[in-house]
């Protein structure tokens, strides 16, 4: 079993806890109850996204190019990572604004319609 990212119990799905650290050089062992960092909550796909995001110093345009995904998809993945780390959801207003801008980018609506919709959700 690959336990590189074993963060939940394979039997009951509860969050795992580290109970022992061992120094490979001198053999000292420290026992206790150590909570996992929030980064361990990320899925392997989310962790890979974060690595690419950091590689490109937060430039989502470069991230989307490397991953072969659209800019809105890259932005949504970043939002998903932020939520997993506990940074909460973006306001409903921002979410609606993103959806409108995504439709504009895809050519599903024109600029005039986008402006009208943005005003309706309170974005000026």
C-alpha atoms as a PDB file:
ATOM      1  CA  UNK A   1       0.000   0.000   0.000  1.00  0.00           C
ATOM      2  CA  UNK A   2       1.310   3.458  -0.921  1.00  0.00           C
ATOM      3  CA  UNK A   3       1.165   5.360   2.366  1.00  0.00           C
ATOM      4  CA  UNK A   4       2.759   8.532   1.024  1.00  0.00           C
ATOM      5  CA  UNK A   5      -0.455  10.448   1.613  1.00  0.00           C
ATOM      6  CA  UNK A   6      -2.307   8.254   4.112  1.00  0.00           C
ATOM      7  CA  UNK A   7      -4.464  10.829   5.859  1.00  0.00           C
ATOM      8  CA  UNK A   8      -7.648   8.892   6.515  1.00  0.00           C
ATOM      9  CA  UNK A   9      -8.205   5.478   8.037  1.00  0.00           C
ATOM     10  CA  UNK A  10      -8.667   2.754   5.414  1.00  0.00           C
ATOM     11  CA  UNK A  11     -11.211   1.052   7.712  1.00  0.00           C
ATOM     12  CA  UNK A  12     -13.478   3.843   9.010  1.00  0.00           C
ATOM     13  CA  UNK A  13     -12.308   6.918   7.011  1.00  0.00           C
ATOM     14  CA  UNK A  14     -11.552   8.958  10.148  1.00  0.00           C
ATOM     15  CA  UNK A  15      -8.662  11.403  10.046  1.00  0.00           C
ATOM     16  CA  UNK A  16      -5.350   9.718  10.864  1.00  0.00           C
ATOM     17  CA  UNK A  17      -3.002  11.058  13.528  1.00  0.00           C
ATOM     18  CA  UNK A  18       0.770  10.766  13.655  1.00  0.00           C
ATOM     19  CA  UNK A  19       1.868   9.116  16.898  1.00  0.00           C
ATOM     20  CA  UNK A  20       5.590   8.597  16.403  1.00  0.00           C
ATOM     21  CA  UNK A  21       8.561  10.310  14.788  1.00  0.00           C
ATOM     22  CA  UNK A  22      11.887   8.510  14.329  1.00  0.00           C
ATOM     23  CA  UNK A  23      15.255  10.045  13.440  1.00  0.00           C
ATOM     24  CA  UNK A  24      16.860   7.773  10.837  1.00  0.00           C
ATOM     25  CA  UNK A  25      20.345   8.989  11.765  1.00  0.00           C
ATOM     26  CA  UNK A  26      20.511   8.611  15.557  1.00  0.00           C
ATOM     27  CA  UNK A  27      17.420   6.481  16.179  1.00  0.00           C
ATOM     28  CA  UNK A  28      15.734   8.828  18.658  1.00  0.00           C
ATOM     29  CA  UNK A  29      11.983   8.204  18.826  1.00  0.00           C
ATOM     30  CA  UNK A  30       9.425  10.827  19.847  1.00  0.00           C
ATOM     31  CA  UNK A  31       5.979   9.506  20.705  1.00  0.00           C
ATOM     32  CA  UNK A  32       2.848  11.569  21.130  1.00  0.00           C
ATOM     33  CA  UNK A  33      -0.277  12.660  19.301  1.00  0.00           C
ATOM     34  CA  UNK A  34       0.543  14.971  16.411  1.00  0.00           C
ATOM     35  CA  UNK A  35      -2.203  16.429  14.237  1.00  0.00           C
ATOM     36  CA  UNK A  36      -1.681  16.444  10.476  1.00  0.00           C
ATOM     37  CA  UNK A  37      -1.173  19.799   8.768  1.00  0.00           C
ATOM     38  CA  UNK A  38      -4.041  21.035   6.605  1.00  0.00           C
ATOM     39  CA  UNK A  39      -1.957  20.391   3.472  1.00  0.00           C
ATOM     40  CA  UNK A  40      -2.427  16.673   4.108  1.00  0.00           C
ATOM     41  CA  UNK A  41      -6.142  17.207   3.423  1.00  0.00           C
ATOM     42  CA  UNK A  42      -5.359  17.896  -0.237  1.00  0.00           C
ATOM     43  CA  UNK A  43      -6.006  15.115  -2.727  1.00  0.00           C
ATOM     44  CA  UNK A  44      -3.087  14.003  -4.914  1.00  0.00           C
ATOM     45  CA  UNK A  45      -4.576  16.006  -7.817  1.00  0.00           C
ATOM     46  CA  UNK A  46      -4.915  19.107  -5.655  1.00  0.00           C
ATOM     47  CA  UNK A  47      -1.358  18.739  -4.380  1.00  0.00           C
ATOM     48  CA  UNK A  48      -0.069  18.410  -7.944  1.00  0.00           C
ATOM     49  CA  UNK A  49      -1.990  21.568  -8.882  1.00  0.00           C
ATOM     50  CA  UNK A  50      -0.418  23.453  -5.943  1.00  0.00           C
ATOM     51  CA  UNK A  51       3.072  22.344  -7.043  1.00  0.00           C
ATOM     52  CA  UNK A  52       2.460  23.608 -10.586  1.00  0.00           C
ATOM     53  CA  UNK A  53       0.915  26.816  -9.191  1.00  0.00           C
ATOM     54  CA  UNK A  54       4.020  27.455  -7.072  1.00  0.00           C
ATOM     55  CA  UNK A  55       6.344  26.542  -9.943  1.00  0.00           C
ATOM     56  CA  UNK A  56       4.754  29.363 -11.941  1.00  0.00           C
ATOM     57  CA  UNK A  57       4.751  31.720  -8.938  1.00  0.00           C
ATOM     58  CA  UNK A  58       0.950  31.982  -8.900  1.00  0.00           C
ATOM     59  CA  UNK A  59       0.541  32.849 -12.579  1.00  0.00           C
ATOM     60  CA  UNK A  60      -2.695  31.045 -13.465  1.00  0.00           C
ATOM     61  CA  UNK A  61      -2.199  31.694 -17.181  1.00  0.00           C
ATOM     62  CA  UNK A  62       1.022  29.669 -17.079  1.00  0.00           C
ATOM     63  CA  UNK A  63      -0.615  26.984 -14.907  1.00  0.00           C
ATOM     64  CA  UNK A  64      -3.459  26.532 -17.371  1.00  0.00           C
ATOM     65  CA  UNK A  65      -1.011  26.297 -20.273  1.00  0.00           C
ATOM     66  CA  UNK A  66       1.101  23.635 -18.557  1.00  0.00           C
ATOM     67  CA  UNK A  67      -1.908  21.588 -17.473  1.00  0.00           C
ATOM     68  CA  UNK A  68      -3.745  22.007 -20.771  1.00  0.00           C
ATOM     69  CA  UNK A  69      -6.885  23.374 -19.115  1.00  0.00           C
ATOM     70  CA  UNK A  70      -8.875  26.565 -19.544  1.00  0.00           C
ATOM     71  CA  UNK A  71      -8.186  29.586 -17.376  1.00  0.00           C
ATOM     72  CA  UNK A  72     -11.603  29.273 -15.644  1.00  0.00           C
ATOM     73  CA  UNK A  73     -10.849  25.620 -14.857  1.00  0.00           C
ATOM     74  CA  UNK A  74      -7.463  26.596 -13.373  1.00  0.00           C
ATOM     75  CA  UNK A  75      -9.135  29.292 -11.291  1.00  0.00           C
ATOM     76  CA  UNK A  76     -11.806  26.829 -10.115  1.00  0.00           C
ATOM     77  CA  UNK A  77      -9.134  24.313  -9.100  1.00  0.00           C
ATOM     78  CA  UNK A  78      -7.349  26.998  -7.102  1.00  0.00           C
ATOM     79  CA  UNK A  79     -10.640  27.871  -5.409  1.00  0.00           C
ATOM     80  CA  UNK A  80     -11.177  24.177  -4.620  1.00  0.00           C
ATOM     81  CA  UNK A  81      -7.726  23.977  -2.995  1.00  0.00           C
ATOM     82  CA  UNK A  82      -8.441  27.114  -0.936  1.00  0.00           C
ATOM     83  CA  UNK A  83     -11.742  25.658   0.276  1.00  0.00           C
ATOM     84  CA  UNK A  84     -10.109  22.330   1.166  1.00  0.00           C
ATOM     85  CA  UNK A  85      -7.542  24.227   3.247  1.00  0.00           C
ATOM     86  CA  UNK A  86     -10.381  25.923   5.115  1.00  0.00           C
ATOM     87  CA  UNK A  87     -10.346  29.369   3.556  1.00  0.00           C
ATOM     88  CA  UNK A  88     -14.096  29.310   2.943  1.00  0.00           C
ATOM     89  CA  UNK A  89     -16.113  29.909  -0.146  1.00  0.00           C
ATOM     90  CA  UNK A  90     -16.026  33.018  -2.235  1.00  0.00           C
ATOM     91  CA  UNK A  91     -19.045  35.233  -1.808  1.00  0.00           C
ATOM     92  CA  UNK A  92     -22.089  34.429  -3.903  1.00  0.00           C
ATOM     93  CA  UNK A  93     -21.605  37.753  -5.686  1.00  0.00           C
ATOM     94  CA  UNK A  94     -18.080  36.787  -6.752  1.00  0.00           C
ATOM     95  CA  UNK A  95     -19.240  33.318  -7.780  1.00  0.00           C
ATOM     96  CA  UNK A  96     -21.968  34.762 -10.008  1.00  0.00           C
ATOM     97  CA  UNK A  97     -19.525  37.273 -11.464  1.00  0.00           C
ATOM     98  CA  UNK A  98     -17.099  34.462 -12.330  1.00  0.00           C
ATOM     99  CA  UNK A  99     -19.853  32.466 -14.016  1.00  0.00           C
ATOM    100  CA  UNK A 100     -20.829  35.499 -16.089  1.00  0.00           C
ATOM    101  CA  UNK A 101     -17.232  36.185 -17.101  1.00  0.00           C
ATOM    102  CA  UNK A 102     -16.739  32.520 -17.975  1.00  0.00           C
ATOM    103  CA  UNK A 103     -19.765  32.688 -20.302  1.00  0.00           C
ATOM    104  CA  UNK A 104     -18.382  35.856 -21.864  1.00  0.00           C
ATOM    105  CA  UNK A 105     -14.982  34.222 -22.380  1.00  0.00           C
ATOM    106  CA  UNK A 106     -16.590  31.169 -24.009  1.00  0.00           C
ATOM    107  CA  UNK A 107     -18.625  33.396 -26.326  1.00  0.00           C
ATOM    108  CA  UNK A 108     -21.920  32.236 -24.843  1.00  0.00           C
ATOM    109  CA  UNK A 109     -22.934  35.859 -24.155  1.00  0.00           C
ATOM    110  CA  UNK A 110     -21.817  39.212 -25.536  1.00  0.00           C
ATOM    111  CA  UNK A 111     -20.168  42.049 -23.592  1.00  0.00           C
ATOM    112  CA  UNK A 112     -23.390  44.072 -23.315  1.00  0.00           C
ATOM    113  CA  UNK A 113     -25.246  41.121 -21.769  1.00  0.00           C
ATOM    114  CA  UNK A 114     -22.321  40.439 -19.432  1.00  0.00           C
ATOM    115  CA  UNK A 115     -22.348  44.046 -18.185  1.00  0.00           C
ATOM    116  CA  UNK A 116     -26.102  43.883 -17.603  1.00  0.00           C
ATOM    117  CA  UNK A 117     -25.795  40.611 -15.669  1.00  0.00           C
ATOM    118  CA  UNK A 118     -22.861  41.912 -13.600  1.00  0.00           C
ATOM    119  CA  UNK A 119     -24.904  44.954 -12.582  1.00  0.00           C
ATOM    120  CA  UNK A 120     -27.791  42.668 -11.588  1.00  0.00           C
ATOM    121  CA  UNK A 121     -25.560  40.727  -9.174  1.00  0.00           C
ATOM    122  CA  UNK A 122     -24.179  43.973  -7.737  1.00  0.00           C
ATOM    123  CA  UNK A 123     -20.805  44.124  -9.464  1.00  0.00           C
ATOM    124  CA  UNK A 124     -20.133  47.534 -11.005  1.00  0.00           C
END
